[in-house]
Amino acid sequence: PRELINVEITESAIISRSALRQRVADRLVDAGFGLEIDD
């Protein structure tokens, strides 16, 4: 089940090339995954 998997993304990963990576991060949330900002 989707609710049993959380996805960790480091803060630095989002900051670099932020527009593209933020779009993927938003899609993860919209898809129902728990999103965690690591480090």
Full PDB file with SEQRES, HELIX, SHEET, SSBOND, CRYST1, ORIGX, SCALE, CONECT and MASTER records, all heavy atoms in Angstrom:
SEQRES   1 A   39  PRO ARG GLU LEU ILE ASN VAL GLU ILE THR GLU SER ALA          
SEQRES   2 A   39  ILE ILE SER ARG SER ALA LEU ARG GLN ARG VAL ALA ASP          
SEQRES   3 A   39  ARG LEU VAL ASP ALA GLY PHE GLY LEU GLU ILE ASP ASP          
HELIX    1 AA1 ARG A    2  LEU A    4  5                                   3    
HELIX    2 AA2 GLU A   11  ILE A   15  1                                   5    
HELIX    3 AA3 SER A   18  ASP A   30  1                                  13    
SHEET    1 AA1 2 ASN A   6  THR A  10  0                                        
SHEET    2 AA1 2 GLY A  34  ASP A  38  1                                        
CRYST1    1.000    1.000    1.000  90.00  90.00  90.00 P 1           1          
ORIGX1      1.000000  0.000000  0.000000        0.00000                         
ORIGX2      0.000000  1.000000  0.000000        0.00000                         
ORIGX3      0.000000  0.000000  1.000000        0.00000                         
SCALE1      1.000000  0.000000  0.000000        0.00000                         
SCALE2      0.000000  1.000000  0.000000        0.00000                         
SCALE3      0.000000  0.000000  1.000000        0.00000                         
ATOM      1  N   PRO A   1       0.820  -1.210   0.000  1.00  0.00           N  
ATOM      2  CA  PRO A   1       0.000   0.000   0.000  1.00  0.00           C  
ATOM      3  C   PRO A   1       0.855   1.261   0.000  1.00  0.00           C  
ATOM      4  O   PRO A   1       1.925   1.300   0.609  1.00  0.00           O  
ATOM      5  CB  PRO A   1      -0.802  -0.118   1.303  1.00  0.00           C  
ATOM      6  CG  PRO A   1      -0.768  -1.564   1.653  1.00  0.00           C  
ATOM      7  CD  PRO A   1       0.559  -2.071   1.167  1.00  0.00           C  
ATOM      8  N   ARG A   2       0.382   2.268  -0.676  1.00  0.00           N  
ATOM      9  CA  ARG A   2       1.143   3.508  -0.819  1.00  0.00           C  
ATOM     10  C   ARG A   2       1.426   4.184   0.517  1.00  0.00           C  
ATOM     11  O   ARG A   2       2.472   4.803   0.707  1.00  0.00           O  
ATOM     12  CB  ARG A   2       0.370   4.448  -1.748  1.00  0.00           C  
ATOM     13  CG  ARG A   2       1.184   5.567  -2.324  1.00  0.00           C  
ATOM     14  CD  ARG A   2       0.494   6.164  -3.513  1.00  0.00           C  
ATOM     15  NE  ARG A   2       0.257   5.151  -4.544  1.00  0.00           N  
ATOM     16  CZ  ARG A   2      -0.161   5.423  -5.767  1.00  0.00           C  
ATOM     17  NH1 ARG A   2      -0.408   6.664  -6.113  1.00  0.00           N  
ATOM     18  NH2 ARG A   2      -0.342   4.464  -6.640  1.00  0.00           N  
ATOM     19  N   GLU A   3       0.495   4.044   1.456  1.00  0.00           N  
ATOM     20  CA  GLU A   3       0.662   4.734   2.736  1.00  0.00           C  
ATOM     21  C   GLU A   3       1.767   4.112   3.588  1.00  0.00           C  
ATOM     22  O   GLU A   3       2.129   4.663   4.639  1.00  0.00           O  
ATOM     23  CB  GLU A   3      -0.647   4.746   3.519  1.00  0.00           C  
ATOM     24  CG  GLU A   3      -1.199   3.377   3.853  1.00  0.00           C  
ATOM     25  CD  GLU A   3      -2.169   2.842   2.794  1.00  0.00           C  
ATOM     26  OE1 GLU A   3      -2.129   3.359   1.649  1.00  0.00           O  
ATOM     27  OE2 GLU A   3      -2.941   1.931   3.113  1.00  0.00           O  
ATOM     28  N   LEU A   4       2.330   2.991   3.156  1.00  0.00           N  
ATOM     29  CA  LEU A   4       3.400   2.355   3.920  1.00  0.00           C  
ATOM     30  C   LEU A   4       4.794   2.748   3.424  1.00  0.00           C  
ATOM     31  O   LEU A   4       5.792   2.289   3.973  1.00  0.00           O  
ATOM     32  CB  LEU A   4       3.256   0.834   3.868  1.00  0.00           C  
ATOM     33  CG  LEU A   4       2.106   0.246   4.690  1.00  0.00           C  
ATOM     34  CD1 LEU A   4       2.055  -1.267   4.540  1.00  0.00           C  
ATOM     35  CD2 LEU A   4       2.232   0.631   6.162  1.00  0.00           C  
ATOM     36  N   ILE A   5       4.864   3.566   2.393  1.00  0.00           N  
ATOM     37  CA  ILE A   5       6.163   3.996   1.868  1.00  0.00           C  
ATOM     38  C   ILE A   5       6.275   5.515   1.941  1.00  0.00           C  
ATOM     39  O   ILE A   5       5.476   6.243   1.344  1.00  0.00           O  
ATOM     40  CB  ILE A   5       6.355   3.539   0.410  1.00  0.00           C  
ATOM     41  CG1 ILE A   5       6.336   2.017   0.322  1.00  0.00           C  
ATOM     42  CG2 ILE A   5       7.665   4.095  -0.152  1.00  0.00           C  
ATOM     43  CD1 ILE A   5       7.502   1.335   1.022  1.00  0.00           C  
ATOM     44  N   ASN A   6       7.258   5.985   2.692  1.00  0.00           N  
ATOM     45  CA  ASN A   6       7.584   7.403   2.727  1.00  0.00           C  
ATOM     46  C   ASN A   6       8.860   7.639   1.920  1.00  0.00           C  
ATOM     47  O   ASN A   6       9.769   6.808   1.944  1.00  0.00           O  
ATOM     48  CB  ASN A   6       7.792   7.893   4.162  1.00  0.00           C  
ATOM     49  CG  ASN A   6       6.526   7.790   4.992  1.00  0.00           C  
ATOM     50  OD1 ASN A   6       5.417   7.915   4.472  1.00  0.00           O  
ATOM     51  ND2 ASN A   6       6.677   7.560   6.280  1.00  0.00           N  
ATOM     52  N   VAL A   7       8.921   8.766   1.234  1.00  0.00           N  
ATOM     53  CA  VAL A   7      10.065   9.076   0.392  1.00  0.00           C  
ATOM     54  C   VAL A   7      10.851  10.225   1.011  1.00  0.00           C  
ATOM     55  O   VAL A   7      10.291  11.280   1.306  1.00  0.00           O  
ATOM     56  CB  VAL A   7       9.615   9.460  -1.037  1.00  0.00           C  
ATOM     57  CG1 VAL A   7      10.833   9.785  -1.899  1.00  0.00           C  
ATOM     58  CG2 VAL A   7       8.805   8.326  -1.658  1.00  0.00           C  
ATOM     59  N   GLU A   8      12.153   9.989   1.210  1.00  0.00           N  
ATOM     60  CA  GLU A   8      13.034  11.019   1.755  1.00  0.00           C  
ATOM     61  C   GLU A   8      13.824  11.676   0.632  1.00  0.00           C  
ATOM     62  O   GLU A   8      14.418  10.981  -0.199  1.00  0.00           O  
ATOM     63  CB  GLU A   8      14.015  10.417   2.768  1.00  0.00           C  
ATOM     64  CG  GLU A   8      13.377   9.941   4.050  1.00  0.00           C  
ATOM     65  CD  GLU A   8      14.420   9.528   5.080  1.00  0.00           C  
ATOM     66  OE1 GLU A   8      15.621   9.809   4.862  1.00  0.00           O  
ATOM     67  OE2 GLU A   8      14.038   8.920   6.098  1.00  0.00           O  
ATOM     68  N   ILE A   9      13.818  12.999   0.627  1.00  0.00           N  
ATOM     69  CA  ILE A   9      14.607  13.775  -0.324  1.00  0.00           C  
ATOM     70  C   ILE A   9      15.416  14.788   0.470  1.00  0.00           C  
ATOM     71  O   ILE A   9      14.869  15.497   1.312  1.00  0.00           O  
ATOM     72  CB  ILE A   9      13.712  14.507  -1.342  1.00  0.00           C  
ATOM     73  CG1 ILE A   9      12.846  13.504  -2.115  1.00  0.00           C  
ATOM     74  CG2 ILE A   9      14.551  15.335  -2.308  1.00  0.00           C  
ATOM     75  CD1 ILE A   9      11.852  14.172  -3.043  1.00  0.00           C  
ATOM     76  N   THR A  10      16.713  14.841   0.239  1.00  0.00           N  
ATOM     77  CA  THR A  10      17.531  15.781   0.992  1.00  0.00           C  
ATOM     78  C   THR A  10      17.202  17.209   0.587  1.00  0.00           C  
ATOM     79  O   THR A  10      16.811  17.485  -0.546  1.00  0.00           O  
ATOM     80  CB  THR A  10      19.036  15.542   0.775  1.00  0.00           C  
ATOM     81  OG1 THR A  10      19.350  15.739  -0.598  1.00  0.00           O  
ATOM     82  CG2 THR A  10      19.424  14.142   1.204  1.00  0.00           C  
ATOM     83  N   GLU A  11      17.394  18.097   1.537  1.00  0.00           N  
ATOM     84  CA  GLU A  11      17.140  19.516   1.273  1.00  0.00           C  
ATOM     85  C   GLU A  11      18.011  20.022   0.127  1.00  0.00           C  
ATOM     86  O   GLU A  11      17.538  20.758  -0.754  1.00  0.00           O  
ATOM     87  CB  GLU A  11      17.422  20.318   2.541  1.00  0.00           C  
ATOM     88  CG  GLU A  11      17.211  21.812   2.383  1.00  0.00           C  
ATOM     89  CD  GLU A  11      17.774  22.574   3.563  1.00  0.00           C  
ATOM     90  OE1 GLU A  11      18.582  22.012   4.317  1.00  0.00           O  
ATOM     91  OE2 GLU A  11      17.412  23.744   3.706  1.00  0.00           O  
ATOM     92  N   SER A  12      19.278  19.607   0.090  1.00  0.00           N  
ATOM     93  CA  SER A  12      20.190  20.071  -0.960  1.00  0.00           C  
ATOM     94  C   SER A  12      19.746  19.591  -2.334  1.00  0.00           C  
ATOM     95  O   SER A  12      19.960  20.270  -3.339  1.00  0.00           O  
ATOM     96  CB  SER A  12      21.611  19.584  -0.673  1.00  0.00           C  
ATOM     97  OG  SER A  12      21.651  18.165  -0.607  1.00  0.00           O  
ATOM     98  N   ALA A  13      19.120  18.407  -2.394  1.00  0.00           N  
ATOM     99  CA  ALA A  13      18.653  17.882  -3.679  1.00  0.00           C  
ATOM    100  C   ALA A  13      17.550  18.755  -4.255  1.00  0.00           C  
ATOM    101  O   ALA A  13      17.457  18.944  -5.477  1.00  0.00           O  
ATOM    102  CB  ALA A  13      18.153  16.455  -3.511  1.00  0.00           C  
ATOM    103  N   ILE A  14      16.715  19.298  -3.395  1.00  0.00           N  
ATOM    104  CA  ILE A  14      15.611  20.131  -3.857  1.00  0.00           C  
ATOM    105  C   ILE A  14      16.102  21.509  -4.255  1.00  0.00           C  
ATOM    106  O   ILE A  14      15.638  22.097  -5.237  1.00  0.00           O  
ATOM    107  CB  ILE A  14      14.537  20.243  -2.762  1.00  0.00           C  
ATOM    108  CG1 ILE A  14      13.982  18.851  -2.445  1.00  0.00           C  
ATOM    109  CG2 ILE A  14      13.410  21.164  -3.198  1.00  0.00           C  
ATOM    110  CD1 ILE A  14      13.039  18.830  -1.266  1.00  0.00           C  
ATOM    111  N   ILE A  15      17.069  22.042  -3.501  1.00  0.00           N  
ATOM    112  CA  ILE A  15      17.545  23.391  -3.778  1.00  0.00           C  
ATOM    113  C   ILE A  15      18.232  23.472  -5.135  1.00  0.00           C  
ATOM    114  O   ILE A  15      18.036  24.416  -5.902  1.00  0.00           O  
ATOM    115  CB  ILE A  15      18.509  23.850  -2.655  1.00  0.00           C  
ATOM    116  CG1 ILE A  15      17.723  24.054  -1.352  1.00  0.00           C  
ATOM    117  CG2 ILE A  15      19.219  25.135  -3.045  1.00  0.00           C  
ATOM    118  CD1 ILE A  15      18.592  24.415  -0.170  1.00  0.00           C  
ATOM    119  N   SER A  16      19.049  22.463  -5.474  1.00  0.00           N  
ATOM    120  CA  SER A  16      19.745  22.499  -6.752  1.00  0.00           C  
ATOM    121  C   SER A  16      18.775  22.140  -7.877  1.00  0.00           C  
ATOM    122  O   SER A  16      18.031  21.178  -7.776  1.00  0.00           O  
ATOM    123  CB  SER A  16      20.920  21.517  -6.729  1.00  0.00           C  
ATOM    124  OG  SER A  16      20.480  20.214  -6.463  1.00  0.00           O  
ATOM    125  N   ARG A  17      18.809  22.926  -8.962  1.00  0.00           N  
ATOM    126  CA  ARG A  17      17.887  22.750 -10.083  1.00  0.00           C  
ATOM    127  C   ARG A  17      16.470  22.614  -9.551  1.00  0.00           C  
ATOM    128  O   ARG A  17      15.724  21.683  -9.865  1.00  0.00           O  
ATOM    129  CB  ARG A  17      18.279  21.543 -10.921  1.00  0.00           C  
ATOM    130  CG  ARG A  17      19.637  21.691 -11.590  1.00  0.00           C  
ATOM    131  CD  ARG A  17      19.967  20.550 -12.492  1.00  0.00           C  
ATOM    132  NE  ARG A  17      19.047  20.465 -13.629  1.00  0.00           N  
ATOM    133  CZ  ARG A  17      19.252  19.660 -14.676  1.00  0.00           C  
ATOM    134  NH1 ARG A  17      20.327  18.901 -14.720  1.00  0.00           N  
ATOM    135  NH2 ARG A  17      18.382  19.612 -15.651  1.00  0.00           N  
ATOM    136  N   SER A  18      16.084  23.589  -8.731  1.00  0.00           N  
ATOM    137  CA  SER A  18      14.891  23.458  -7.899  1.00  0.00           C  
ATOM    138  C   SER A  18      13.599  23.294  -8.685  1.00  0.00           C  
ATOM    139  O   SER A  18      12.718  22.540  -8.267  1.00  0.00           O  
ATOM    140  CB  SER A  18      14.779  24.671  -6.958  1.00  0.00           C  
ATOM    141  OG  SER A  18      14.741  25.867  -7.715  1.00  0.00           O  
ATOM    142  N   ALA A  19      13.442  23.971  -9.804  1.00  0.00           N  
ATOM    143  CA  ALA A  19      12.158  23.928 -10.517  1.00  0.00           C  
ATOM    144  C   ALA A  19      11.806  22.507 -10.928  1.00  0.00           C  
ATOM    145  O   ALA A  19      10.691  22.024 -10.699  1.00  0.00           O  
ATOM    146  CB  ALA A  19      12.212  24.846 -11.732  1.00  0.00           C  
ATOM    147  N   LEU A  20      12.758  21.814 -11.538  1.00  0.00           N  
ATOM    148  CA  LEU A  20      12.517  20.449 -11.997  1.00  0.00           C  
ATOM    149  C   LEU A  20      12.291  19.516 -10.826  1.00  0.00           C  
ATOM    150  O   LEU A  20      11.338  18.720 -10.804  1.00  0.00           O  
ATOM    151  CB  LEU A  20      13.705  19.967 -12.830  1.00  0.00           C  
ATOM    152  CG  LEU A  20      13.687  18.493 -13.265  1.00  0.00           C  
ATOM    153  CD1 LEU A  20      12.451  18.213 -14.111  1.00  0.00           C  
ATOM    154  CD2 LEU A  20      14.957  18.155 -14.040  1.00  0.00           C  
ATOM    155  N   ARG A  21      13.143  19.597  -9.822  1.00  0.00           N  
ATOM    156  CA  ARG A  21      13.055  18.677  -8.699  1.00  0.00           C  
ATOM    157  C   ARG A  21      11.849  18.968  -7.823  1.00  0.00           C  
ATOM    158  O   ARG A  21      11.242  18.058  -7.261  1.00  0.00           O  
ATOM    159  CB  ARG A  21      14.358  18.718  -7.911  1.00  0.00           C  
ATOM    160  CG  ARG A  21      15.484  18.016  -8.683  1.00  0.00           C  
ATOM    161  CD  ARG A  21      16.831  18.197  -8.076  1.00  0.00           C  
ATOM    162  NE  ARG A  21      17.811  17.347  -8.754  1.00  0.00           N  
ATOM    163  CZ  ARG A  21      19.066  17.669  -8.947  1.00  0.00           C  
ATOM    164  NH1 ARG A  21      19.523  18.819  -8.498  1.00  0.00           N  
ATOM    165  NH2 ARG A  21      19.888  16.843  -9.574  1.00  0.00           N  
ATOM    166  N   GLN A  22      11.473  20.221  -7.701  1.00  0.00           N  
ATOM    167  CA  GLN A  22      10.271  20.551  -6.943  1.00  0.00           C  
ATOM    168  C   GLN A  22       9.037  19.988  -7.636  1.00  0.00           C  
ATOM    169  O   GLN A  22       8.087  19.553  -6.975  1.00  0.00           O  
ATOM    170  CB  GLN A  22      10.137  22.062  -6.776  1.00  0.00           C  
ATOM    171  CG  GLN A  22      11.075  22.638  -5.725  1.00  0.00           C  
ATOM    172  CD  GLN A  22      10.881  24.127  -5.514  1.00  0.00           C  
ATOM    173  OE1 GLN A  22       9.842  24.674  -5.853  1.00  0.00           O  
ATOM    174  NE2 GLN A  22      11.874  24.780  -4.952  1.00  0.00           N  
ATOM    175  N   ARG A  23       9.041  19.971  -8.951  1.00  0.00           N  
ATOM    176  CA  ARG A  23       7.906  19.423  -9.692  1.00  0.00           C  
ATOM    177  C   ARG A  23       7.750  17.931  -9.394  1.00  0.00           C  
ATOM    178  O   ARG A  23       6.642  17.435  -9.177  1.00  0.00           O  
ATOM    179  CB  ARG A  23       8.079  19.656 -11.191  1.00  0.00           C  
ATOM    180  CG  ARG A  23       6.863  19.205 -12.008  1.00  0.00           C  
ATOM    181  CD  ARG A  23       6.908  19.765 -13.417  1.00  0.00           C  
ATOM    182  NE  ARG A  23       8.020  19.234 -14.191  1.00  0.00           N  
ATOM    183  CZ  ARG A  23       9.064  19.953 -14.605  1.00  0.00           C  
ATOM    184  NH1 ARG A  23       9.144  21.237 -14.283  1.00  0.00           N  
ATOM    185  NH2 ARG A  23      10.026  19.398 -15.313  1.00  0.00           N  
ATOM    186  N   VAL A  24       8.864  17.193  -9.371  1.00  0.00           N  
ATOM    187  CA  VAL A  24       8.805  15.767  -9.042  1.00  0.00           C  
ATOM    188  C   VAL A  24       8.351  15.579  -7.602  1.00  0.00           C  
ATOM    189  O   VAL A  24       7.540  14.687  -7.298  1.00  0.00           O  
ATOM    190  CB  VAL A  24      10.169  15.100  -9.280  1.00  0.00           C  
ATOM    191  CG1 VAL A  24      10.135  13.643  -8.819  1.00  0.00           C  
ATOM    192  CG2 VAL A  24      10.561  15.178 -10.741  1.00  0.00           C  
ATOM    193  N   ALA A  25       8.855  16.411  -6.687  1.00  0.00           N  
ATOM    194  CA  ALA A  25       8.449  16.318  -5.288  1.00  0.00           C  
ATOM    195  C   ALA A  25       6.949  16.545  -5.144  1.00  0.00           C  
ATOM    196  O   ALA A  25       6.259  15.832  -4.404  1.00  0.00           O  
ATOM    197  CB  ALA A  25       9.228  17.328  -4.450  1.00  0.00           C  
ATOM    198  N   ASP A  26       6.416  17.527  -5.849  1.00  0.00           N  
ATOM    199  CA  ASP A  26       4.974  17.787  -5.796  1.00  0.00           C  
ATOM    200  C   ASP A  26       4.182  16.611  -6.349  1.00  0.00           C  
ATOM    201  O   ASP A  26       3.120  16.257  -5.820  1.00  0.00           O  
ATOM    202  CB  ASP A  26       4.644  19.051  -6.594  1.00  0.00           C  
ATOM    203  CG  ASP A  26       5.101  20.321  -5.902  1.00  0.00           C  
ATOM    204  OD1 ASP A  26       5.353  20.269  -4.677  1.00  0.00           O  
ATOM    205  OD2 ASP A  26       5.216  21.361  -6.573  1.00  0.00           O  
ATOM    206  N   ARG A  27       4.707  15.971  -7.386  1.00  0.00           N  
ATOM    207  CA  ARG A  27       4.015  14.815  -7.968  1.00  0.00           C  
ATOM    208  C   ARG A  27       3.995  13.647  -6.997  1.00  0.00           C  
ATOM    209  O   ARG A  27       3.031  12.879  -6.944  1.00  0.00           O  
ATOM    210  CB  ARG A  27       4.683  14.407  -9.277  1.00  0.00           C  
ATOM    211  CG  ARG A  27       4.407  15.351 -10.450  1.00  0.00           C  
ATOM    212  CD  ARG A  27       5.153  14.902 -11.694  1.00  0.00           C  
ATOM    213  NE  ARG A  27       4.824  13.516 -12.031  1.00  0.00           N  
ATOM    214  CZ  ARG A  27       5.666  12.681 -12.644  1.00  0.00           C  
ATOM    215  NH1 ARG A  27       6.886  13.079 -12.981  1.00  0.00           N  
ATOM    216  NH2 ARG A  27       5.288  11.450 -12.916  1.00  0.00           N  
ATOM    217  N   LEU A  28       5.055  13.482  -6.214  1.00  0.00           N  
ATOM    218  CA  LEU A  28       5.085  12.429  -5.204  1.00  0.00           C  
ATOM    219  C   LEU A  28       3.987  12.637  -4.168  1.00  0.00           C  
ATOM    220  O   LEU A  28       3.292  11.690  -3.780  1.00  0.00           O  
ATOM    221  CB  LEU A  28       6.456  12.392  -4.513  1.00  0.00           C  
ATOM    222  CG  LEU A  28       7.597  11.757  -5.295  1.00  0.00           C  
ATOM    223  CD1 LEU A  28       8.936  12.111  -4.656  1.00  0.00           C  
ATOM    224  CD2 LEU A  28       7.436  10.231  -5.361  1.00  0.00           C  
ATOM    225  N   VAL A  29       3.837  13.877  -3.722  1.00  0.00           N  
ATOM    226  CA  VAL A  29       2.783  14.191  -2.747  1.00  0.00           C  
ATOM    227  C   VAL A  29       1.406  13.964  -3.368  1.00  0.00           C  
ATOM    228  O   VAL A  29       0.524  13.354  -2.753  1.00  0.00           O  
ATOM    229  CB  VAL A  29       2.925  15.644  -2.254  1.00  0.00           C  
ATOM    230  CG1 VAL A  29       1.744  16.017  -1.358  1.00  0.00           C  
ATOM    231  CG2 VAL A  29       4.228  15.817  -1.483  1.00  0.00           C  
ATOM    232  N   ASP A  30       1.234  14.433  -4.594  1.00  0.00           N  
ATOM    233  CA  ASP A  30      -0.061  14.277  -5.270  1.00  0.00           C  
ATOM    234  C   ASP A  30      -0.394  12.804  -5.499  1.00  0.00           C  
ATOM    235  O   ASP A  30      -1.570  12.424  -5.560  1.00  0.00           O  
ATOM    236  CB  ASP A  30      -0.053  15.022  -6.604  1.00  0.00           C  
ATOM    237  CG  ASP A  30       0.028  16.538  -6.431  1.00  0.00           C  
ATOM    238  OD1 ASP A  30      -0.312  17.015  -5.323  1.00  0.00           O  
ATOM    239  OD2 ASP A  30       0.452  17.226  -7.379  1.00  0.00           O  
ATOM    240  N   ALA A  31       0.649  11.970  -5.632  1.00  0.00           N  
ATOM    241  CA  ALA A  31       0.439  10.539  -5.849  1.00  0.00           C  
ATOM    242  C   ALA A  31       0.126   9.800  -4.548  1.00  0.00           C  
ATOM    243  O   ALA A  31      -0.179   8.608  -4.574  1.00  0.00           O  
ATOM    244  CB  ALA A  31       1.667   9.917  -6.512  1.00  0.00           C  
ATOM    245  N   GLY A  32       0.203  10.502  -3.419  1.00  0.00           N  
ATOM    246  CA  GLY A  32      -0.176   9.903  -2.147  1.00  0.00           C  
ATOM    247  C   GLY A  32       0.958   9.400  -1.288  1.00  0.00           C  
ATOM    248  O   GLY A  32       0.725   8.741  -0.269  1.00  0.00           O  
ATOM    249  N   PHE A  33       2.196   9.705  -1.660  1.00  0.00           N  
ATOM    250  CA  PHE A  33       3.334   9.284  -0.843  1.00  0.00           C  
ATOM    251  C   PHE A  33       3.583  10.292   0.280  1.00  0.00           C  
ATOM    252  O   PHE A  33       3.380  11.493   0.103  1.00  0.00           O  
ATOM    253  CB  PHE A  33       4.597   9.159  -1.696  1.00  0.00           C  
ATOM    254  CG  PHE A  33       4.574   8.028  -2.670  1.00  0.00           C  
ATOM    255  CD1 PHE A  33       4.224   8.238  -3.994  1.00  0.00           C  
ATOM    256  CD2 PHE A  33       4.884   6.740  -2.266  1.00  0.00           C  
ATOM    257  CE1 PHE A  33       4.193   7.200  -4.900  1.00  0.00           C  
ATOM    258  CE2 PHE A  33       4.854   5.687  -3.162  1.00  0.00           C  
ATOM    259  CZ  PHE A  33       4.507   5.913  -4.483  1.00  0.00           C  
ATOM    260  N   GLY A  34       4.058   9.785   1.425  1.00  0.00           N  
ATOM    261  CA  GLY A  34       4.531  10.673   2.465  1.00  0.00           C  
ATOM    262  C   GLY A  34       5.899  11.208   2.065  1.00  0.00           C  
ATOM    263  O   GLY A  34       6.796  10.432   1.743  1.00  0.00           O  
ATOM    264  N   LEU A  35       6.057  12.524   2.055  1.00  0.00           N  
ATOM    265  CA  LEU A  35       7.311  13.140   1.615  1.00  0.00           C  
ATOM    266  C   LEU A  35       8.047  13.718   2.814  1.00  0.00           C  
ATOM    267  O   LEU A  35       7.477  14.467   3.607  1.00  0.00           O  
ATOM    268  CB  LEU A  35       7.040  14.232   0.585  1.00  0.00           C  
ATOM    269  CG  LEU A  35       8.277  14.918  -0.009  1.00  0.00           C  
ATOM    270  CD1 LEU A  35       9.119  13.920  -0.799  1.00  0.00           C  
ATOM    271  CD2 LEU A  35       7.877  16.092  -0.903  1.00  0.00           C  
ATOM    272  N   GLU A  36       9.338  13.372   2.931  1.00  0.00           N  
ATOM    273  CA  GLU A  36      10.159  13.833   4.045  1.00  0.00           C  
ATOM    274  C   GLU A  36      11.353  14.610   3.517  1.00  0.00           C  
ATOM    275  O   GLU A  36      12.015  14.174   2.570  1.00  0.00           O  
ATOM    276  CB  GLU A  36      10.646  12.631   4.857  1.00  0.00           C  
ATOM    277  CG  GLU A  36       9.517  11.759   5.367  1.00  0.00           C  
ATOM    278  CD  GLU A  36       9.995  10.548   6.145  1.00  0.00           C  
ATOM    279  OE1 GLU A  36      11.223  10.319   6.216  1.00  0.00           O  
ATOM    280  OE2 GLU A  36       9.132   9.834   6.686  1.00  0.00           O  
ATOM    281  N   ILE A  37      11.614  15.770   4.124  1.00  0.00           N  
ATOM    282  CA  ILE A  37      12.812  16.542   3.793  1.00  0.00           C  
ATOM    283  C   ILE A  37      13.914  16.099   4.742  1.00  0.00           C  
ATOM    284  O   ILE A  37      13.851  16.318   5.955  1.00  0.00           O  
ATOM    285  CB  ILE A  37      12.561  18.048   3.922  1.00  0.00           C  
ATOM    286  CG1 ILE A  37      11.453  18.492   2.962  1.00  0.00           C  
ATOM    287  CG2 ILE A  37      13.844  18.829   3.631  1.00  0.00           C  
ATOM    288  CD1 ILE A  37      11.101  19.957   3.065  1.00  0.00           C  
ATOM    289  N   ASP A  38      14.935  15.457   4.189  1.00  0.00           N  
ATOM    290  CA  ASP A  38      16.011  14.886   4.986  1.00  0.00           C  
ATOM    291  C   ASP A  38      17.173  15.876   5.102  1.00  0.00           C  
ATOM    292  O   ASP A  38      17.344  16.752   4.249  1.00  0.00           O  
ATOM    293  CB  ASP A  38      16.497  13.594   4.319  1.00  0.00           C  
ATOM    294  CG  ASP A  38      17.329  12.736   5.250  1.00  0.00           C  
ATOM    295  OD1 ASP A  38      17.265  12.959   6.473  1.00  0.00           O  
ATOM    296  OD2 ASP A  38      18.039  11.837   4.753  1.00  0.00           O  
ATOM    297  N   ASP A  39      17.949  15.735   6.163  1.00  0.00           N  
ATOM    298  CA  ASP A  39      19.174  16.534   6.370  1.00  0.00           C  
ATOM    299  C   ASP A  39      18.897  18.033   6.430  1.00  0.00           C  
ATOM    300  O   ASP A  39      19.744  18.839   6.026  1.00  0.00           O  
ATOM    301  CB  ASP A  39      20.197  16.260   5.258  1.00  0.00           C  
ATOM    302  CG  ASP A  39      20.749  14.852   5.315  1.00  0.00           C  
ATOM    303  OD1 ASP A  39      20.577  14.204   6.362  1.00  0.00           O  
ATOM    304  OD2 ASP A  39      21.333  14.401   4.323  1.00  0.00           O  
TER     305      ASP A  39                                                      
MASTER        0    0    0    3    2    0    0    6  304    1    0    3          
END                                                                             
